[in-house]
Amino acid sequence: MTALTLDRLTKRFGATTVVDDLSLAVPAGSFLVLLGPSGCGKSTTLRMLAGLEDVTAGRIRVGDRVVVDPAVGVDVPAERRGLGMVFQSYALWPHMTVRQNVGWPLAVAGWSRDARRDRVAEVLADLEIAALADRSPAQLSGGQQQRVAIARTIAPRPDVVLFDEPLSNLDARLRTETRALLGRVHRETGATTVYVTHDQVEALALATHIAVLRDGRLEQLGPPEELLERPATAFVAGFLGSPPAVLVGGRTVGGRLVRDAVDLAPVPSGADAAHAMYRPQDLVIDPGGQLAFEVLESTPAGGAHLVTGLLGGADDARGGDRVTVIADRREAPGRTTRLRVPAAPAALYGTDGALL
């Protein structure tokens, strides 16, 4: 069953297209993360779903119900779409206590006094903030305010919950704690979740599905493991992961992908390859390797080192590619050495960025 469907969704601000012909289906009960760099259209997409931004073209369905279709004049108001939303800025009512903030949407929805009291107590306990029920937002920390915002959103039991970068204002420790809480809330409520972030750790920790956006268009949609193991485009390969896959640029010569006179891989007949993809752990810093490598930084990470550097200039004159590999020892920044690459790359991508 599909909880949300976006059909060729488009948003323009004047001559600028922010979301471009975006189509995706969100399975019921899933945790979908919209992921991408700043300006890719993820927050605008979420705001169109929520009814906070007009749609230029396309259609949005919640379940089987069309809530937006400008072609036929359909635009269901935000409060009638049956969606809950948690904002980055918490957006709590400052003159209300925590209990009143959480209970207010239930009152608006017509819940009885007894039902409101019981439901508020339930969600405050679930989010471990029952002791804060009679405090005002001004008396709460940022992490506590965000828990209140989440409690207020899930209290009416919406079928779909939207999150707009809800952890970006929290410090690292609180982000980790609240991320775990969000995962538990999702498992317990079963609500379909659409979550916007630029943080890959959040995305990989929480998502059942990830939609990677770039320049308002969908690059790839699927479970996190699928995107990491089989990235459909060079952009996804070089964007997702910590560290991401290593992309070595080159050019096709005589049916082979070549960089700096190094033969990297055969290219399928009739194709024109631009990048070979390697796993960061499969490249070795070795003075006898094939490719020149200038070390920029070396960061300890779980018993290994993440070594970032520049590959030597490519034949296509684009200059060095910045890559990160996993090494078993620290490398001195500023050192020039070489990288040894496997006999065959994990994947090849064409000049259009598509998987060959």
Protein backbone atom coordinates (compact mmCIF):
# COMPACT_ATOMS: atom_id res chain seq x y z
CA MET A 1 0.00 0.00 0.00
CA THR A 2 1.23 3.47 -0.90
CA ALA A 3 0.82 6.22 1.70
CA LEU A 4 2.03 9.15 -0.41
CA THR A 5 2.44 9.62 -4.15
CA LEU A 6 4.18 12.50 -5.89
CA ASP A 7 3.42 12.56 -9.60
CA ARG A 8 5.62 14.87 -11.71
CA LEU A 9 5.69 17.45 -8.93
CA THR A 10 7.15 20.80 -10.01
CA LYS A 11 7.81 24.07 -8.22
CA ARG A 12 9.04 27.26 -9.86
CA PHE A 13 9.89 30.59 -8.31
CA GLY A 14 9.76 32.92 -11.28
CA ALA A 15 12.18 31.55 -13.88
CA THR A 16 13.91 29.28 -11.33
CA THR A 17 12.80 25.65 -11.12
CA VAL A 18 13.40 24.37 -7.59
CA VAL A 19 11.61 21.00 -7.88
CA ASP A 20 11.64 19.53 -11.36
CA ASP A 21 9.18 16.83 -12.46
CA LEU A 22 9.62 14.80 -9.27
CA SER A 23 7.82 11.46 -9.03
CA LEU A 24 8.03 8.96 -6.18
CA ALA A 25 5.80 6.64 -4.17
CA VAL A 26 6.15 6.28 -0.40
CA PRO A 27 5.15 2.85 0.95
CA ALA A 28 2.84 2.86 3.98
CA GLY A 29 4.74 2.56 7.24
CA SER A 30 8.08 3.46 5.71
CA PHE A 31 10.60 6.03 6.91
CA LEU A 32 11.55 8.00 3.80
CA VAL A 33 14.46 10.42 4.01
CA LEU A 34 14.77 13.17 1.41
CA LEU A 35 18.52 13.64 1.20
CA GLY A 36 20.68 15.96 -0.82
CA PRO A 37 22.93 19.02 -0.74
CA SER A 38 21.65 22.49 0.10
CA GLY A 39 19.39 23.86 -2.61
CA CYS A 40 18.38 20.46 -4.02
CA GLY A 41 14.65 21.05 -3.35
CA LYS A 42 14.10 18.68 -0.42
CA SER A 43 12.57 21.22 2.00
CA THR A 44 10.45 22.75 -0.76
CA THR A 45 9.13 19.27 -1.58
CA LEU A 46 8.23 18.71 2.08
CA ARG A 47 6.49 22.09 2.29
CA MET A 48 4.41 21.28 -0.80
CA LEU A 49 3.41 17.99 0.81
CA ALA A 50 2.40 19.82 3.98
CA GLY A 51 0.38 22.44 2.13
CA LEU A 52 2.71 25.28 3.12
CA GLU A 53 3.91 25.92 -0.44
CA ASP A 54 1.88 26.17 -3.64
CA VAL A 55 2.49 23.57 -6.35
CA THR A 56 3.30 24.81 -9.85
CA ALA A 57 2.44 21.54 -11.58
CA GLY A 58 1.94 17.86 -10.83
CA ARG A 59 -0.14 15.93 -8.34
CA ILE A 60 0.08 14.80 -4.70
CA ARG A 61 -1.98 11.92 -3.32
CA VAL A 62 -2.31 10.96 0.34
CA GLY A 63 -3.38 7.35 0.20
CA ASP A 64 -6.02 7.25 -2.54
CA ARG A 65 -7.04 10.89 -2.05
CA VAL A 66 -5.76 13.61 -4.38
CA VAL A 67 -4.87 16.60 -2.21
CA VAL A 68 -3.12 18.72 -4.86
CA ASP A 69 -3.64 18.92 -8.60
CA PRO A 70 -3.46 22.47 -10.00
CA ALA A 71 -4.50 21.23 -13.43
CA VAL A 72 -8.03 20.60 -12.11
CA GLY A 73 -8.06 23.17 -9.30
CA VAL A 74 -7.59 20.75 -6.37
CA ASP A 75 -5.71 22.13 -3.36
CA VAL A 76 -6.79 20.66 -0.02
CA PRO A 77 -5.88 23.01 2.89
CA ALA A 78 -2.97 21.94 5.09
CA GLU A 79 -5.16 21.24 8.13
CA ARG A 80 -7.37 18.84 6.13
CA ARG A 81 -4.61 16.67 4.67
CA GLY A 82 -4.27 14.48 7.75
CA LEU A 83 -0.53 15.11 8.06
CA GLY A 84 1.56 16.04 11.09
CA MET A 85 4.70 18.17 10.82
CA VAL A 86 7.70 18.82 13.07
CA PHE A 87 9.61 21.98 12.23
CA GLN A 88 13.30 22.76 12.61
CA SER A 89 12.44 25.71 14.88
CA TYR A 90 10.14 23.68 17.25
CA ALA A 91 7.29 26.25 16.79
CA LEU A 92 5.85 25.76 20.30
CA TRP A 93 3.25 28.17 21.68
CA PRO A 94 5.19 30.17 24.29
CA HIS A 95 2.12 31.05 26.41
CA MET A 96 1.14 27.38 26.86
CA THR A 97 2.61 24.71 29.11
CA VAL A 98 4.01 21.50 27.67
CA ARG A 99 0.74 19.73 28.52
CA GLN A 100 -1.29 22.45 26.79
CA ASN A 101 0.95 22.48 23.70
CA VAL A 102 0.51 18.75 23.23
CA GLY A 103 -3.20 18.81 23.97
CA TRP A 104 -4.11 21.76 21.74
CA PRO A 105 -4.29 19.87 18.37
CA LEU A 106 -6.48 17.25 20.07
CA ALA A 107 -8.88 19.96 21.24
CA VAL A 108 -9.01 21.40 17.73
CA ALA A 109 -9.76 17.92 16.39
CA GLY A 110 -12.70 17.57 18.80
CA TRP A 111 -11.31 15.00 21.24
CA SER A 112 -13.14 14.85 24.58
CA ARG A 113 -11.49 16.21 27.72
CA ASP A 114 -10.89 12.73 29.15
CA ALA A 115 -9.51 11.40 25.86
CA ARG A 116 -7.19 14.41 25.57
CA ARG A 117 -5.92 13.96 29.12
CA ASP A 118 -5.16 10.27 28.59
CA ARG A 119 -3.51 10.76 25.20
CA VAL A 120 -1.33 13.64 26.38
CA ALA A 121 -0.16 11.59 29.36
CA GLU A 122 0.60 8.67 27.04
CA VAL A 123 2.75 10.59 24.54
CA LEU A 124 4.57 12.57 27.25
CA ALA A 125 5.50 9.28 28.90
CA ASP A 126 6.54 7.74 25.56
CA LEU A 127 8.88 10.65 24.87
CA GLU A 128 10.19 10.67 28.45
CA ILE A 129 9.07 14.24 29.22
CA ALA A 130 6.15 13.60 31.61
CA ALA A 131 8.01 15.45 34.36
CA LEU A 132 8.01 18.59 32.20
CA ALA A 133 4.23 18.70 31.66
CA ASP A 134 3.63 21.94 33.59
CA ARG A 135 6.67 23.87 32.37
CA SER A 136 6.60 26.57 29.70
CA PRO A 137 8.77 26.27 26.55
CA ALA A 138 11.06 29.01 27.91
CA GLN A 139 12.00 26.68 30.78
CA LEU A 140 13.11 23.87 28.46
CA SER A 141 16.37 23.04 26.71
CA GLY A 142 16.48 22.73 22.92
CA GLY A 143 16.33 18.94 23.10
CA GLN A 144 13.36 19.05 25.44
CA GLN A 145 11.53 21.53 23.21
CA GLN A 146 12.06 19.25 20.23
CA ARG A 147 10.58 16.31 22.15
CA VAL A 148 7.52 18.43 22.96
CA ALA A 149 7.18 19.34 19.28
CA ILE A 150 7.33 15.65 18.35
CA ALA A 151 4.78 14.76 21.06
CA ARG A 152 2.40 17.45 19.81
CA THR A 153 2.70 16.15 16.25
CA ILE A 154 2.10 12.46 16.98
CA ALA A 155 -0.61 13.00 19.62
CA PRO A 156 -3.50 13.07 17.07
CA ARG A 157 -2.15 9.83 15.55
CA PRO A 158 -1.61 11.13 11.99
CA ASP A 159 -1.08 8.53 9.28
CA VAL A 160 1.85 10.55 7.86
CA VAL A 161 4.42 12.60 9.80
CA LEU A 162 6.73 15.15 8.15
CA PHE A 163 10.04 16.27 9.66
CA ASP A 164 11.96 19.30 8.37
CA GLU A 165 15.58 18.94 9.59
CA PRO A 166 14.37 18.52 13.21
CA LEU A 167 17.81 17.83 14.72
CA SER A 168 19.88 20.55 13.07
CA ASN A 169 19.63 22.92 16.06
CA LEU A 170 20.85 20.31 18.58
CA ASP A 171 24.41 19.56 19.67
CA ALA A 172 26.06 16.28 18.67
CA ARG A 173 25.10 14.33 21.81
CA LEU A 174 21.46 15.46 21.72
CA ARG A 175 21.26 14.68 18.00
CA THR A 176 22.32 11.11 18.71
CA GLU A 177 19.85 10.72 21.58
CA THR A 178 16.94 12.30 19.71
CA ARG A 179 17.72 10.30 16.56
CA ALA A 180 17.35 7.08 18.54
CA LEU A 181 14.10 8.40 20.00
CA LEU A 182 12.72 9.18 16.54
CA GLY A 183 13.52 5.65 15.40
CA ARG A 184 11.67 4.21 18.40
CA VAL A 185 8.66 6.50 17.88
CA HIS A 186 8.44 5.43 14.25
CA ARG A 187 8.57 1.73 15.14
CA GLU A 188 5.94 2.11 17.84
CA THR A 189 3.47 4.30 15.91
CA GLY A 190 3.85 2.72 12.48
CA ALA A 191 3.19 6.14 10.92
CA THR A 192 4.61 6.78 7.47
CA THR A 193 7.42 9.30 7.89
CA VAL A 194 8.98 11.75 5.43
CA TYR A 195 12.14 13.29 6.84
CA VAL A 196 14.32 16.02 5.34
CA THR A 197 18.00 16.24 6.20
CA HIS A 198 21.41 16.90 4.69
CA ASP A 199 23.03 14.70 7.37
CA GLN A 200 23.93 11.30 5.95
CA VAL A 201 24.37 9.73 9.38
CA GLU A 202 20.76 10.61 10.22
CA ALA A 203 19.59 9.29 6.88
CA LEU A 204 21.42 5.97 7.11
CA ALA A 205 20.46 5.46 10.77
CA LEU A 206 16.74 6.13 10.38
CA ALA A 207 15.61 5.45 6.83
CA THR A 208 13.89 2.45 5.38
CA HIS A 209 14.06 4.33 2.06
CA ILE A 210 16.22 7.22 0.86
CA ALA A 211 15.43 9.57 -2.03
CA VAL A 212 18.58 11.38 -3.16
CA LEU A 213 17.76 14.71 -4.80
CA ARG A 214 19.97 16.90 -6.95
CA ASP A 215 18.93 20.19 -8.52
CA GLY A 216 15.29 19.40 -7.83
CA ARG A 217 15.35 16.02 -9.55
CA LEU A 218 15.36 12.48 -8.21
CA GLU A 219 18.71 10.72 -8.63
CA GLN A 220 17.76 7.44 -6.92
CA LEU A 221 15.16 6.01 -4.54
CA GLY A 222 15.55 2.82 -2.56
CA PRO A 223 16.63 1.20 0.73
CA PRO A 224 19.91 2.57 2.13
CA GLU A 225 21.76 -0.70 1.47
CA GLU A 226 20.73 -0.63 -2.20
CA LEU A 227 21.93 2.94 -2.71
CA LEU A 228 25.25 2.20 -1.03
CA GLU A 229 25.88 -1.08 -2.85
CA ARG A 230 24.45 -0.18 -6.26
CA PRO A 231 24.43 3.61 -6.75
CA ALA A 232 22.55 4.38 -9.95
CA THR A 233 24.51 7.54 -10.77
CA ALA A 234 27.98 8.93 -10.21
CA PHE A 235 26.42 11.67 -8.06
CA VAL A 236 24.86 9.14 -5.65
CA ALA A 237 28.10 7.15 -5.54
CA GLY A 238 30.15 10.21 -4.64
CA PHE A 239 27.57 11.69 -2.26
CA LEU A 240 26.24 8.87 -0.09
CA GLY A 241 28.35 7.07 2.46
CA SER A 242 30.86 7.93 5.16
CA PRO A 243 33.23 8.05 3.42
CA PRO A 244 31.50 7.88 0.03
CA ALA A 245 32.67 5.75 -2.86
CA VAL A 246 35.81 6.90 -4.64
CA LEU A 247 35.24 8.17 -8.17
CA VAL A 248 38.29 8.21 -10.43
CA GLY A 249 37.75 10.31 -13.54
CA GLY A 250 39.20 9.49 -16.93
CA ARG A 251 38.38 9.24 -20.60
CA THR A 252 37.54 6.43 -23.00
CA VAL A 253 40.36 5.50 -25.35
CA GLY A 254 40.06 2.49 -27.63
CA GLY A 255 37.31 0.93 -25.56
CA ARG A 256 39.18 1.39 -22.25
CA LEU A 257 38.79 3.93 -19.44
CA VAL A 258 42.18 5.62 -19.06
CA ARG A 259 43.58 8.13 -16.58
CA ASP A 260 47.11 9.50 -16.81
CA ALA A 261 48.06 6.63 -19.13
CA VAL A 262 46.76 4.11 -16.55
CA ASP A 263 44.33 1.54 -17.97
CA LEU A 264 41.50 1.31 -15.41
CA ALA A 265 38.85 -0.88 -17.04
CA PRO A 266 37.21 -2.01 -20.28
CA VAL A 267 34.20 0.07 -21.35
CA PRO A 268 31.04 -1.57 -22.75
CA SER A 269 30.82 -1.43 -26.53
CA GLY A 270 29.42 1.85 -27.80
CA ALA A 271 29.61 3.53 -24.38
CA ASP A 272 31.72 6.47 -23.24
CA ALA A 273 32.84 6.16 -19.62
CA ALA A 274 33.86 9.10 -17.42
CA HIS A 275 34.35 7.60 -13.95
CA ALA A 276 35.40 4.34 -12.34
CA MET A 277 34.00 3.69 -8.85
CA TYR A 278 35.98 2.02 -6.09
CA ARG A 279 35.19 1.27 -2.44
CA PRO A 280 37.28 3.44 -0.07
CA GLN A 281 38.63 0.34 1.69
CA ASP A 282 39.81 -1.20 -1.61
CA LEU A 283 42.33 1.50 -2.49
CA VAL A 284 45.78 1.32 -0.91
CA ILE A 285 48.25 4.13 -0.30
CA ASP A 286 51.36 2.65 -1.80
CA PRO A 287 54.44 4.41 -3.33
CA GLY A 288 54.31 1.74 -6.03
CA GLY A 289 50.67 2.42 -6.94
CA GLN A 290 49.35 3.57 -10.30
CA LEU A 291 48.00 7.05 -9.47
CA ALA A 292 49.68 10.10 -7.93
CA PHE A 293 48.08 11.13 -4.61
CA GLU A 294 48.65 14.26 -2.51
CA VAL A 295 47.56 13.84 1.13
CA LEU A 296 45.42 16.69 2.46
CA GLU A 297 44.35 15.33 5.86
CA SER A 298 44.33 12.12 7.90
CA THR A 299 41.58 11.60 10.49
CA PRO A 300 41.47 8.75 13.07
CA ALA A 301 38.24 6.73 12.84
CA GLY A 302 37.53 3.51 14.73
CA GLY A 303 41.00 2.01 14.61
CA ALA A 304 41.67 3.18 11.05
CA HIS A 305 42.36 6.51 9.35
CA LEU A 306 40.26 8.36 6.80
CA VAL A 307 42.84 9.83 4.45
CA THR A 308 41.64 12.56 2.11
CA GLY A 309 43.74 13.76 -0.78
CA LEU A 310 43.92 14.79 -4.42
CA LEU A 311 44.58 12.42 -7.28
CA GLY A 312 46.98 13.67 -9.90
CA GLY A 313 45.56 15.70 -12.80
CA ALA A 314 43.40 13.70 -15.19
CA ASP A 315 43.88 13.47 -18.96
CA ASP A 316 40.71 15.51 -19.49
CA ALA A 317 42.42 18.53 -17.84
CA ARG A 318 39.82 18.84 -15.07
CA GLY A 319 42.54 18.66 -12.43
CA GLY A 320 42.78 16.36 -9.42
CA ASP A 321 39.83 14.48 -7.96
CA ARG A 322 39.37 14.86 -4.17
CA VAL A 323 38.89 11.39 -2.68
CA THR A 324 38.88 9.73 0.76
CA VAL A 325 40.28 6.26 1.37
CA ILE A 326 40.44 4.06 4.46
CA ALA A 327 44.00 3.37 5.59
CA ASP A 328 45.52 1.43 8.50
CA ARG A 329 47.86 4.25 9.54
CA ARG A 330 48.11 8.02 9.63
CA GLU A 331 49.47 9.78 6.54
CA ALA A 332 51.27 13.12 6.85
CA PRO A 333 49.32 16.00 5.24
CA GLY A 334 51.25 17.55 2.37
CA ARG A 335 52.94 14.28 1.47
CA THR A 336 52.86 13.22 -2.17
CA THR A 337 52.61 9.47 -2.67
CA ARG A 338 50.59 7.11 -4.89
CA LEU A 339 47.38 5.05 -4.79
CA ARG A 340 47.11 1.46 -5.86
CA VAL A 341 43.70 0.63 -7.37
CA PRO A 342 42.15 -2.84 -7.82
CA ALA A 343 42.33 -4.60 -11.16
CA ALA A 344 38.63 -3.92 -11.75
CA PRO A 345 36.41 -1.08 -10.43
CA ALA A 346 33.14 -1.74 -8.59
CA ALA A 347 31.23 0.18 -11.29
CA LEU A 348 31.60 2.45 -14.31
CA TYR A 349 29.63 5.64 -15.01
CA GLY A 350 29.14 7.34 -18.36
CA THR A 351 29.66 10.96 -19.31
CA ASP A 352 26.02 11.61 -18.38
CA GLY A 353 26.64 10.23 -14.86
CA ALA A 354 24.50 7.11 -15.41
CA LEU A 355 25.61 3.61 -14.46
CA LEU A 356 27.00 1.64 -17.40
